[in-house]
C-alpha cells in the first residue's frame, strides 16, 4: 500500500529538519586555516591568529546571536544564549558580509579573510551595572562547545590546535585568560584544563 503524497512530503521535510538540528556544515572559525599564534603564548594578547594557506577563506559565525559591531575589517557577535562576545578581525584585511544589528546563526558565513585574529570575551556586570569584559582563552572556548578552528583538517602544530583536549600552558594562566565553562550538552568528551 502506497503512502499518500502529502504524508511522504511531510515525512521528508521532518527528516530534513531533524538532520539540520544535529548537522551544521561549518562549526569552525574559518573554512581552511592553521593557528600561527595561540592566545597568551608570547604576550598576554587574548587573540588567536589564524592563517589560511590558500588565500581568502570564508569566516563563520560560531554563535546564534546579533552583530553588535561591524566595520571594514572586523565583526563582533553577541551570543543569544550565553554572555559572550566573539571578535573577528582581519589582520591582513577582511571582507565583512554582515551588517550592524543583523541576526547570525551558527555556521553562517560572516566574511572572507586570509589572516584572522579571533578572540572571545565574557560579559559580566559590575556593582554599578556597567558591562565588564574578561578574556576567555579562545581555543578552550571552541573545544568546550565542540567547535574547531578550521573546517578542513590540518596537522596540529600549536598547543591550541589540539581539538577536544586542550591544556592551557602556565603562561596563558598568568595572563589571566579564563578557561570557559563547558557547554551543558556534548555528544563527545571534552577536556579543558590548565597546567
N, C-alpha and C. Protein backbone atom coordinates (compact mmCIF):
# COMPACT_ATOMS: atom_id res chain seq x y z
N UNK A 1 0.85 -1.17 0.00
CA UNK A 1 0.00 0.00 0.00
C UNK A 1 0.90 1.24 0.00
N UNK A 2 0.66 2.14 -0.90
CA UNK A 2 1.49 3.33 -1.05
C UNK A 2 1.04 4.43 -0.08
N UNK A 3 2.02 5.18 0.42
CA UNK A 3 1.73 6.33 1.28
C UNK A 3 1.16 7.47 0.44
N UNK A 4 0.23 8.20 0.99
CA UNK A 4 -0.26 9.38 0.27
C UNK A 4 0.91 10.35 0.05
N UNK A 5 0.84 11.08 -1.03
CA UNK A 5 1.91 12.01 -1.39
C UNK A 5 2.17 13.04 -0.30
N UNK A 6 1.14 13.57 0.32
CA UNK A 6 1.29 14.59 1.36
C UNK A 6 2.07 14.02 2.56
N UNK A 7 1.78 12.77 2.94
CA UNK A 7 2.49 12.14 4.06
C UNK A 7 3.96 11.94 3.72
N UNK A 8 4.24 11.57 2.50
CA UNK A 8 5.61 11.38 2.04
C UNK A 8 6.39 12.70 2.06
N UNK A 9 5.75 13.77 1.58
CA UNK A 9 6.39 15.08 1.56
C UNK A 9 6.68 15.56 2.99
N UNK A 10 5.68 15.45 3.88
CA UNK A 10 5.87 15.90 5.27
C UNK A 10 6.91 15.06 5.99
N UNK A 11 6.96 13.78 5.74
CA UNK A 11 7.97 12.91 6.35
C UNK A 11 9.37 13.31 5.90
N UNK A 12 9.52 13.61 4.64
CA UNK A 12 10.81 14.03 4.09
C UNK A 12 11.24 15.36 4.70
N UNK A 13 10.32 16.31 4.81
CA UNK A 13 10.64 17.61 5.41
C UNK A 13 11.02 17.46 6.88
N UNK A 14 10.30 16.63 7.62
CA UNK A 14 10.60 16.41 9.04
C UNK A 14 11.97 15.76 9.21
N UNK A 15 12.29 14.81 8.37
CA UNK A 15 13.60 14.15 8.42
C UNK A 15 14.71 15.15 8.12
N UNK A 16 14.50 16.00 7.12
CA UNK A 16 15.49 17.03 6.78
C UNK A 16 15.69 18.03 7.91
N UNK A 17 14.59 18.47 8.54
CA UNK A 17 14.68 19.42 9.65
C UNK A 17 15.37 18.78 10.85
N UNK A 18 15.08 17.52 11.11
CA UNK A 18 15.74 16.82 12.22
C UNK A 18 17.22 16.66 11.99
N UNK A 19 17.61 16.36 10.77
CA UNK A 19 19.04 16.24 10.45
C UNK A 19 19.73 17.58 10.60
N UNK A 20 19.08 18.67 10.24
CA UNK A 20 19.68 20.01 10.32
C UNK A 20 19.96 20.41 11.77
N UNK A 21 19.13 19.93 12.71
CA UNK A 21 19.35 20.24 14.13
C UNK A 21 20.70 19.72 14.58
N UNK A 22 21.11 18.55 14.12
CA UNK A 22 22.35 17.94 14.57
C UNK A 22 23.53 18.18 13.63
N UNK A 23 23.29 18.71 12.46
CA UNK A 23 24.37 18.90 11.49
C UNK A 23 24.50 20.37 11.13
N UNK A 24 25.64 20.93 11.41
CA UNK A 24 25.95 22.29 10.98
C UNK A 24 27.15 22.17 10.06
N UNK A 25 27.05 22.63 8.84
CA UNK A 25 28.11 22.39 7.88
C UNK A 25 29.45 23.00 8.28
N UNK A 26 29.45 24.12 8.97
CA UNK A 26 30.71 24.75 9.32
C UNK A 26 30.69 25.19 10.78
N UNK A 27 31.11 24.31 11.65
CA UNK A 27 31.22 24.64 13.06
C UNK A 27 32.68 24.98 13.35
N UNK A 28 33.20 25.93 12.57
CA UNK A 28 34.60 26.32 12.65
C UNK A 28 34.73 27.81 12.42
N UNK A 29 35.84 28.38 12.87
CA UNK A 29 36.11 29.80 12.68
C UNK A 29 36.28 30.12 11.20
N UNK A 30 37.06 29.29 10.49
CA UNK A 30 37.40 29.54 9.10
C UNK A 30 37.32 28.23 8.32
N UNK A 31 37.08 28.30 7.03
CA UNK A 31 36.96 27.08 6.23
C UNK A 31 38.27 26.30 6.22
N UNK A 32 39.39 26.95 5.93
CA UNK A 32 40.68 26.27 5.91
C UNK A 32 41.74 27.21 6.46
N UNK A 33 42.30 26.86 7.61
CA UNK A 33 43.31 27.71 8.22
C UNK A 33 44.05 26.99 9.33
N UNK A 34 45.23 27.52 9.65
CA UNK A 34 46.07 26.98 10.72
C UNK A 34 46.34 28.08 11.72
N UNK A 35 46.50 27.71 12.96
CA UNK A 35 46.84 28.68 14.00
C UNK A 35 48.33 29.00 13.89
N UNK A 36 48.65 30.29 13.77
CA UNK A 36 50.05 30.71 13.73
C UNK A 36 50.50 31.25 15.08
N UNK A 37 49.56 31.68 15.93
CA UNK A 37 49.90 32.05 17.30
C UNK A 37 48.68 31.86 18.19
N UNK A 38 48.92 31.22 19.32
CA UNK A 38 47.86 30.97 20.30
C UNK A 38 47.71 32.18 21.21
N UNK A 39 46.55 32.34 21.79
CA UNK A 39 46.31 33.45 22.72
C UNK A 39 47.23 33.32 23.93
N UNK A 40 47.84 34.43 24.32
CA UNK A 40 48.67 34.46 25.52
C UNK A 40 50.01 33.77 25.42
N UNK A 41 50.39 33.26 24.26
CA UNK A 41 51.64 32.50 24.15
C UNK A 41 52.89 33.36 24.31
N UNK A 42 53.02 34.40 23.49
CA UNK A 42 54.23 35.23 23.56
C UNK A 42 53.99 36.51 24.34
N UNK A 43 52.77 36.94 24.42
CA UNK A 43 52.40 38.11 25.22
C UNK A 43 51.03 37.80 25.81
N UNK A 44 50.47 38.74 26.48
CA UNK A 44 49.15 38.49 27.06
C UNK A 44 48.02 38.92 26.14
N UNK A 45 48.26 38.85 24.84
CA UNK A 45 47.24 39.16 23.84
C UNK A 45 46.19 38.04 23.88
N UNK A 46 44.90 38.37 24.06
CA UNK A 46 43.87 37.33 24.17
C UNK A 46 43.40 36.76 22.83
N UNK A 47 44.05 37.12 21.73
CA UNK A 47 43.59 36.66 20.42
C UNK A 47 44.40 35.48 19.90
N UNK A 48 43.75 34.69 19.10
CA UNK A 48 44.37 33.59 18.37
C UNK A 48 44.49 34.05 16.92
N UNK A 49 45.67 33.88 16.33
CA UNK A 49 45.88 34.28 14.93
C UNK A 49 45.76 33.05 14.05
N UNK A 50 44.89 33.11 13.05
CA UNK A 50 44.65 32.00 12.12
C UNK A 50 45.05 32.46 10.72
N UNK A 51 45.86 31.65 10.04
CA UNK A 51 46.34 31.96 8.69
C UNK A 51 45.82 30.90 7.73
N UNK A 52 45.27 31.35 6.61
CA UNK A 52 44.83 30.43 5.58
C UNK A 52 45.97 30.18 4.60
N UNK A 53 46.28 28.92 4.28
CA UNK A 53 47.33 28.64 3.31
C UNK A 53 46.87 28.85 1.87
N UNK A 54 45.56 29.07 1.67
CA UNK A 54 45.02 29.12 0.31
C UNK A 54 44.35 30.46 -0.01
N UNK A 55 44.86 31.56 0.55
CA UNK A 55 44.26 32.86 0.27
C UNK A 55 43.00 33.08 1.10
N UNK A 56 42.18 34.02 0.67
CA UNK A 56 40.97 34.35 1.44
C UNK A 56 40.04 33.15 1.53
N UNK A 57 39.54 32.93 2.75
CA UNK A 57 38.64 31.81 3.02
C UNK A 57 37.39 32.33 3.74
N UNK A 58 36.28 31.62 3.63
CA UNK A 58 35.08 32.00 4.37
C UNK A 58 35.31 31.93 5.88
N UNK A 59 34.78 32.92 6.59
CA UNK A 59 34.81 33.00 8.05
C UNK A 59 33.38 32.82 8.52
N UNK A 60 33.18 32.04 9.60
CA UNK A 60 31.84 31.66 10.02
C UNK A 60 31.50 32.16 11.42
N UNK A 61 30.22 32.47 11.61
CA UNK A 61 29.71 32.80 12.94
C UNK A 61 29.62 31.53 13.76
N UNK A 62 30.01 31.62 15.02
CA UNK A 62 30.04 30.43 15.88
C UNK A 62 28.97 30.45 16.96
N UNK A 63 28.12 31.46 16.94
CA UNK A 63 27.00 31.55 17.88
C UNK A 63 25.76 32.01 17.13
N UNK A 64 24.62 31.70 17.69
CA UNK A 64 23.39 32.32 17.23
C UNK A 64 23.28 33.61 18.01
N UNK A 65 23.20 34.71 17.30
CA UNK A 65 23.15 35.99 18.00
C UNK A 65 23.02 37.15 17.04
N UNK A 66 23.60 38.27 17.45
CA UNK A 66 23.44 39.51 16.70
C UNK A 66 24.79 40.18 16.50
N UNK A 67 24.95 40.84 15.35
CA UNK A 67 26.14 41.63 15.07
C UNK A 67 26.03 42.94 15.86
N UNK A 68 26.94 43.15 16.83
CA UNK A 68 26.88 44.36 17.65
C UNK A 68 27.88 45.42 17.19
N UNK A 69 28.82 45.02 16.33
CA UNK A 69 29.75 45.97 15.72
C UNK A 69 30.26 45.35 14.43
N UNK A 70 30.39 46.18 13.40
CA UNK A 70 30.93 45.71 12.12
C UNK A 70 31.57 46.89 11.42
N UNK A 71 32.70 46.63 10.82
CA UNK A 71 33.41 47.67 10.09
C UNK A 71 34.07 47.07 8.88
N UNK A 72 34.94 47.84 8.24
CA UNK A 72 35.57 47.33 7.03
C UNK A 72 36.54 46.17 7.27
N UNK A 73 36.89 45.92 8.52
CA UNK A 73 37.89 44.89 8.81
C UNK A 73 37.57 44.06 10.04
N UNK A 74 36.36 44.19 10.59
CA UNK A 74 36.05 43.47 11.83
C UNK A 74 34.56 43.20 11.98
N UNK A 75 34.25 42.16 12.80
CA UNK A 75 32.88 41.83 13.17
C UNK A 75 32.89 41.40 14.63
N UNK A 76 31.92 41.91 15.42
CA UNK A 76 31.73 41.49 16.80
C UNK A 76 30.33 40.87 16.89
N UNK A 77 30.27 39.62 17.37
CA UNK A 77 28.99 38.92 17.52
C UNK A 77 28.67 38.72 18.99
N UNK A 78 27.46 39.06 19.41
CA UNK A 78 26.99 38.79 20.76
C UNK A 78 26.09 37.57 20.72
N UNK A 79 26.40 36.59 21.57
CA UNK A 79 25.62 35.35 21.61
C UNK A 79 24.25 35.60 22.22
N UNK A 80 23.25 34.91 21.69
CA UNK A 80 21.90 34.98 22.24
C UNK A 80 21.72 34.01 23.40
N UNK A 81 22.69 33.09 23.61
CA UNK A 81 22.49 32.03 24.59
C UNK A 81 23.48 32.02 25.74
N UNK A 82 24.53 32.80 25.67
CA UNK A 82 25.48 32.90 26.77
C UNK A 82 26.10 34.29 26.75
N UNK A 83 26.59 34.77 27.87
CA UNK A 83 27.11 36.15 27.91
C UNK A 83 28.52 36.28 27.34
N UNK A 84 28.67 36.08 26.03
CA UNK A 84 29.96 36.20 25.37
C UNK A 84 29.85 37.05 24.11
N UNK A 85 30.97 37.66 23.77
CA UNK A 85 31.12 38.40 22.52
C UNK A 85 32.29 37.78 21.78
N UNK A 86 32.08 37.41 20.52
CA UNK A 86 33.13 36.89 19.66
C UNK A 86 33.65 38.02 18.78
N UNK A 87 34.98 38.16 18.73
CA UNK A 87 35.60 39.23 17.96
C UNK A 87 36.41 38.62 16.82
N UNK A 88 36.07 38.99 15.60
CA UNK A 88 36.78 38.57 14.39
C UNK A 88 37.41 39.82 13.79
N UNK A 89 38.72 39.78 13.56
CA UNK A 89 39.40 40.94 12.99
C UNK A 89 40.38 40.48 11.93
N UNK A 90 40.27 41.03 10.75
CA UNK A 90 41.19 40.68 9.67
C UNK A 90 42.55 41.32 9.90
N UNK A 91 43.59 40.50 10.07
CA UNK A 91 44.94 41.02 10.29
C UNK A 91 45.54 41.52 8.99
N UNK A 92 45.07 41.00 7.87
CA UNK A 92 45.54 41.47 6.56
C UNK A 92 44.34 41.82 5.69
N UNK A 93 43.29 42.29 6.33
CA UNK A 93 42.07 42.64 5.62
C UNK A 93 41.00 41.58 5.77
N UNK A 94 39.77 42.01 5.84
CA UNK A 94 38.63 41.11 5.94
C UNK A 94 37.48 41.72 5.16
N UNK A 95 36.87 40.93 4.30
CA UNK A 95 35.67 41.36 3.59
C UNK A 95 34.47 40.98 4.45
N UNK A 96 33.88 41.95 5.10
CA UNK A 96 32.76 41.72 6.00
C UNK A 96 31.49 41.55 5.18
N UNK A 97 30.70 40.51 5.50
CA UNK A 97 29.49 40.19 4.74
C UNK A 97 28.22 40.26 5.59
N UNK A 98 28.31 40.92 6.75
CA UNK A 98 27.15 41.12 7.62
C UNK A 98 27.08 42.60 7.99
N UNK A 99 25.93 43.02 8.51
CA UNK A 99 25.73 44.42 8.87
C UNK A 99 25.38 44.55 10.35
N UNK A 100 25.62 45.71 10.89
CA UNK A 100 25.29 46.01 12.27
C UNK A 100 23.82 45.70 12.55
N UNK A 101 23.55 44.96 13.63
CA UNK A 101 22.19 44.61 14.01
C UNK A 101 21.65 43.35 13.38
N UNK A 102 22.35 42.78 12.41
CA UNK A 102 21.89 41.59 11.70
C UNK A 102 21.94 40.37 12.61
N UNK A 103 20.94 39.49 12.51
CA UNK A 103 20.95 38.21 13.22
C UNK A 103 21.82 37.24 12.46
N UNK A 104 22.58 36.43 13.20
CA UNK A 104 23.50 35.46 12.61
C UNK A 104 23.26 34.11 13.27
N UNK A 105 23.36 33.05 12.48
CA UNK A 105 23.22 31.70 13.01
C UNK A 105 24.56 30.98 13.01
N UNK A 106 24.63 29.89 13.76
CA UNK A 106 25.86 29.09 13.82
C UNK A 106 26.14 28.54 12.42
N UNK A 107 27.37 28.71 11.97
CA UNK A 107 27.77 28.22 10.66
C UNK A 107 27.51 29.17 9.51
N UNK A 108 26.90 30.32 9.79
CA UNK A 108 26.63 31.29 8.73
C UNK A 108 27.91 32.02 8.37
N UNK A 109 28.15 32.20 7.08
CA UNK A 109 29.33 32.93 6.63
C UNK A 109 29.16 34.40 6.96
N UNK A 110 30.18 34.99 7.63
CA UNK A 110 30.11 36.40 8.00
C UNK A 110 31.16 37.24 7.28
N UNK A 111 32.10 36.59 6.59
CA UNK A 111 33.12 37.35 5.87
C UNK A 111 34.12 36.45 5.19
N UNK A 112 35.16 37.10 4.62
CA UNK A 112 36.28 36.41 3.97
C UNK A 112 37.56 37.00 4.53
N UNK A 113 38.54 36.14 4.83
CA UNK A 113 39.82 36.64 5.33
C UNK A 113 40.91 35.62 5.06
N UNK A 114 42.13 36.13 4.92
CA UNK A 114 43.29 35.26 4.75
C UNK A 114 44.05 35.09 6.08
N UNK A 115 44.09 36.15 6.85
CA UNK A 115 44.77 36.15 8.15
C UNK A 115 43.82 36.79 9.16
N UNK A 116 43.37 36.01 10.14
CA UNK A 116 42.28 36.42 11.01
C UNK A 116 42.70 36.34 12.48
N UNK A 117 42.35 37.38 13.23
CA UNK A 117 42.51 37.37 14.69
C UNK A 117 41.14 37.06 15.28
N UNK A 118 41.10 36.05 16.19
CA UNK A 118 39.84 35.62 16.79
C UNK A 118 39.97 35.64 18.30
N UNK A 119 38.99 36.24 18.98
CA UNK A 119 39.01 36.26 20.44
C UNK A 119 37.59 36.15 20.99
N UNK A 120 37.51 35.77 22.28
CA UNK A 120 36.24 35.57 22.96
C UNK A 120 36.28 36.34 24.28
N UNK A 121 35.22 37.09 24.57
CA UNK A 121 35.13 37.85 25.81
C UNK A 121 33.83 37.53 26.52
N UNK A 122 33.92 37.31 27.83
CA UNK A 122 32.73 37.09 28.66
C UNK A 122 32.25 38.46 29.14
N UNK A 123 30.94 38.66 29.15
CA UNK A 123 30.35 39.91 29.60
C UNK A 123 29.73 39.69 30.97
N UNK A 124 30.21 40.44 31.95
CA UNK A 124 29.64 40.41 33.30
C UNK A 124 29.21 41.82 33.66
N UNK A 125 28.45 41.95 34.73
CA UNK A 125 28.01 43.26 35.22
C UNK A 125 28.80 43.62 36.48
N UNK A 126 29.22 44.89 36.54
CA UNK A 126 29.91 45.37 37.74
C UNK A 126 28.87 45.76 38.78
N UNK A 127 29.33 46.16 39.94
CA UNK A 127 28.41 46.59 41.00
C UNK A 127 27.59 47.80 40.61
N UNK A 128 28.10 48.61 39.69
CA UNK A 128 27.38 49.80 39.24
C UNK A 128 26.45 49.50 38.06
N UNK A 129 26.49 48.26 37.56
CA UNK A 129 25.62 47.87 36.45
C UNK A 129 26.25 48.00 35.08
N UNK A 130 27.49 48.50 35.01
CA UNK A 130 28.14 48.61 33.70
C UNK A 130 28.73 47.26 33.28
N UNK A 131 28.91 47.09 31.99
CA UNK A 131 29.44 45.83 31.46
C UNK A 131 30.94 45.75 31.69
N UNK A 132 31.40 44.56 32.11
CA UNK A 132 32.82 44.30 32.31
C UNK A 132 33.18 43.11 31.43
N UNK A 133 34.18 43.29 30.55
CA UNK A 133 34.61 42.22 29.67
C UNK A 133 35.84 41.53 30.24
N UNK A 134 35.84 40.21 30.20
CA UNK A 134 37.02 39.45 30.60
C UNK A 134 37.33 38.45 29.50
N UNK A 135 38.62 38.34 29.15
CA UNK A 135 39.04 37.49 28.04
C UNK A 135 38.98 36.02 28.41
N UNK A 136 38.50 35.21 27.48
CA UNK A 136 38.47 33.75 27.62
C UNK A 136 39.45 33.20 26.59
N UNK A 137 40.21 32.18 26.97
CA UNK A 137 41.16 31.57 26.03
C UNK A 137 40.33 30.98 24.88
N UNK A 138 40.51 31.47 23.63
CA UNK A 138 39.60 31.11 22.54
C UNK A 138 39.60 29.64 22.14
N UNK A 139 40.75 28.96 22.12
CA UNK A 139 40.74 27.55 21.71
C UNK A 139 40.03 26.68 22.75
N UNK A 140 40.15 27.04 24.03
CA UNK A 140 39.44 26.31 25.07
C UNK A 140 37.93 26.54 24.95
N UNK A 141 37.54 27.77 24.60
CA UNK A 141 36.12 28.06 24.40
C UNK A 141 35.58 27.24 23.23
N UNK A 142 36.34 27.18 22.14
CA UNK A 142 35.94 26.38 20.98
C UNK A 142 35.77 24.91 21.38
N UNK A 143 36.78 24.35 22.06
CA UNK A 143 36.75 22.93 22.44
C UNK A 143 35.57 22.63 23.36
N UNK A 144 35.29 23.53 24.30
CA UNK A 144 34.21 23.31 25.26
C UNK A 144 32.83 23.33 24.60
N UNK A 145 32.75 23.81 23.37
CA UNK A 145 31.49 23.85 22.64
C UNK A 145 31.47 22.94 21.42
N UNK A 146 32.49 22.12 21.25
CA UNK A 146 32.54 21.20 20.12
C UNK A 146 32.81 21.89 18.80
N UNK A 147 33.46 23.05 18.84
CA UNK A 147 33.77 23.82 17.64
C UNK A 147 35.25 23.67 17.31
N UNK A 148 35.65 24.09 16.10
CA UNK A 148 37.04 23.95 15.66
C UNK A 148 37.55 25.26 15.09
N UNK A 149 38.87 25.33 14.93
CA UNK A 149 39.48 26.48 14.28
C UNK A 149 39.22 26.41 12.78
N UNK A 150 39.43 25.24 12.18
CA UNK A 150 39.31 25.08 10.74
C UNK A 150 38.36 23.94 10.40
N UNK A 151 37.50 24.16 9.40
CA UNK A 151 36.59 23.10 8.96
C UNK A 151 37.36 22.01 8.22
N UNK A 152 38.48 22.38 7.57
CA UNK A 152 39.33 21.40 6.90
C UNK A 152 40.47 21.02 7.83
N UNK A 153 40.75 19.75 7.90
CA UNK A 153 41.74 19.23 8.83
C UNK A 153 43.16 19.59 8.39
N UNK A 154 43.94 20.08 9.35
CA UNK A 154 45.36 20.38 9.16
C UNK A 154 46.11 19.75 10.33
N UNK A 155 47.37 19.33 10.14
CA UNK A 155 48.13 18.79 11.27
C UNK A 155 48.31 19.87 12.34
N UNK A 156 48.14 19.47 13.60
CA UNK A 156 48.28 20.41 14.72
C UNK A 156 49.75 20.69 14.98
N UNK A 157 50.11 21.97 15.05
CA UNK A 157 51.48 22.36 15.35
C UNK A 157 51.55 23.22 16.61
N UNK A 158 50.43 23.70 17.11
CA UNK A 158 50.37 24.55 18.29
C UNK A 158 49.54 23.85 19.37
N UNK A 159 49.77 24.20 20.64
CA UNK A 159 49.01 23.58 21.73
C UNK A 159 47.53 23.92 21.61
N UNK A 160 47.21 25.08 21.04
CA UNK A 160 45.80 25.50 20.97
C UNK A 160 45.04 24.86 19.80
N UNK A 161 45.68 23.98 19.05
CA UNK A 161 45.02 23.27 17.94
C UNK A 161 44.71 21.82 18.31
N UNK A 162 44.72 21.48 19.56
CA UNK A 162 44.59 20.09 19.98
C UNK A 162 43.16 19.56 19.98
N UNK A 163 42.21 20.33 19.51
CA UNK A 163 40.84 19.84 19.36
C UNK A 163 40.07 19.79 20.66
N UNK A 164 39.59 18.63 21.04
CA UNK A 164 38.72 18.48 22.21
C UNK A 164 39.47 18.31 23.53
N UNK A 165 40.78 18.19 23.48
CA UNK A 165 41.57 18.03 24.71
C UNK A 165 42.60 19.15 24.77
N UNK A 166 42.21 20.27 25.36
CA UNK A 166 43.06 21.45 25.45
C UNK A 166 43.64 21.54 26.85
N UNK A 167 44.96 21.74 26.93
CA UNK A 167 45.60 22.02 28.21
C UNK A 167 46.33 23.35 28.06
N UNK A 168 45.80 24.38 28.71
CA UNK A 168 46.39 25.71 28.57
C UNK A 168 47.69 25.79 29.37
N UNK A 169 48.76 26.36 28.77
CA UNK A 169 50.04 26.46 29.46
C UNK A 169 50.03 27.49 30.59
N UNK A 170 51.04 27.41 31.44
CA UNK A 170 51.17 28.31 32.59
C UNK A 170 51.18 29.76 32.16
N UNK A 171 51.87 30.09 31.05
CA UNK A 171 51.93 31.48 30.57
C UNK A 171 50.54 32.05 30.33
N UNK A 172 49.66 31.26 29.74
CA UNK A 172 48.29 31.71 29.47
C UNK A 172 47.56 31.98 30.78
N UNK A 173 47.76 31.10 31.75
CA UNK A 173 47.10 31.27 33.05
C UNK A 173 47.60 32.52 33.75
N UNK A 174 48.90 32.84 33.62
CA UNK A 174 49.46 34.05 34.23
C UNK A 174 48.89 35.31 33.60
N UNK A 175 48.49 35.22 32.37
CA UNK A 175 47.91 36.38 31.67
C UNK A 175 46.48 36.68 32.14
N UNK A 176 45.88 35.77 32.86
CA UNK A 176 44.53 35.98 33.35
C UNK A 176 43.44 35.60 32.37
N UNK A 177 43.80 34.88 31.30
CA UNK A 177 42.78 34.41 30.38
C UNK A 177 41.98 33.31 31.07
N UNK A 178 40.68 33.43 31.05
CA UNK A 178 39.82 32.48 31.74
C UNK A 178 39.63 31.21 30.91
N UNK A 179 39.45 30.10 31.62
CA UNK A 179 39.05 28.84 30.98
C UNK A 179 37.53 28.83 31.00
N UNK A 180 36.88 28.53 29.88
CA UNK A 180 35.42 28.66 29.81
C UNK A 180 34.68 27.60 30.60
N UNK A 181 33.44 27.92 30.90
CA UNK A 181 32.53 26.95 31.48
C UNK A 181 32.12 26.01 30.35
N UNK A 182 32.17 24.69 30.57
CA UNK A 182 31.80 23.76 29.48
C UNK A 182 30.34 23.93 29.08
N UNK A 183 30.06 23.60 27.82
CA UNK A 183 28.69 23.63 27.34
C UNK A 183 27.89 22.57 28.09
N UNK A 184 26.59 22.76 28.19
CA UNK A 184 25.76 21.86 29.00
C UNK A 184 25.55 20.49 28.37
N UNK A 185 25.69 20.37 27.06
CA UNK A 185 25.42 19.08 26.40
C UNK A 185 26.46 18.85 25.32
N UNK A 186 27.18 17.74 25.42
CA UNK A 186 28.18 17.39 24.42
C UNK A 186 28.01 15.92 24.06
N UNK A 187 28.07 15.60 22.77
CA UNK A 187 27.98 14.21 22.34
C UNK A 187 29.29 13.47 22.55
N UNK A 188 30.43 14.17 22.42
CA UNK A 188 31.74 13.56 22.59
C UNK A 188 32.45 14.20 23.78
N UNK A 189 33.34 13.47 24.47
CA UNK A 189 34.00 14.04 25.64
C UNK A 189 34.95 15.19 25.28
N UNK A 190 34.99 16.19 26.17
CA UNK A 190 35.84 17.37 26.00
C UNK A 190 36.60 17.56 27.30
N UNK A 191 37.89 17.91 27.18
CA UNK A 191 38.70 18.17 28.36
C UNK A 191 39.41 19.51 28.17
N UNK A 192 39.11 20.47 29.05
CA UNK A 192 39.77 21.77 29.04
C UNK A 192 40.36 21.98 30.42
N UNK A 193 41.69 21.94 30.51
CA UNK A 193 42.37 22.06 31.80
C UNK A 193 43.52 23.04 31.69
N UNK A 194 44.09 23.39 32.85
CA UNK A 194 45.24 24.28 32.92
C UNK A 194 46.43 23.51 33.48
N UNK A 195 47.65 23.89 33.04
CA UNK A 195 48.87 23.25 33.57
C UNK A 195 49.06 23.64 35.02
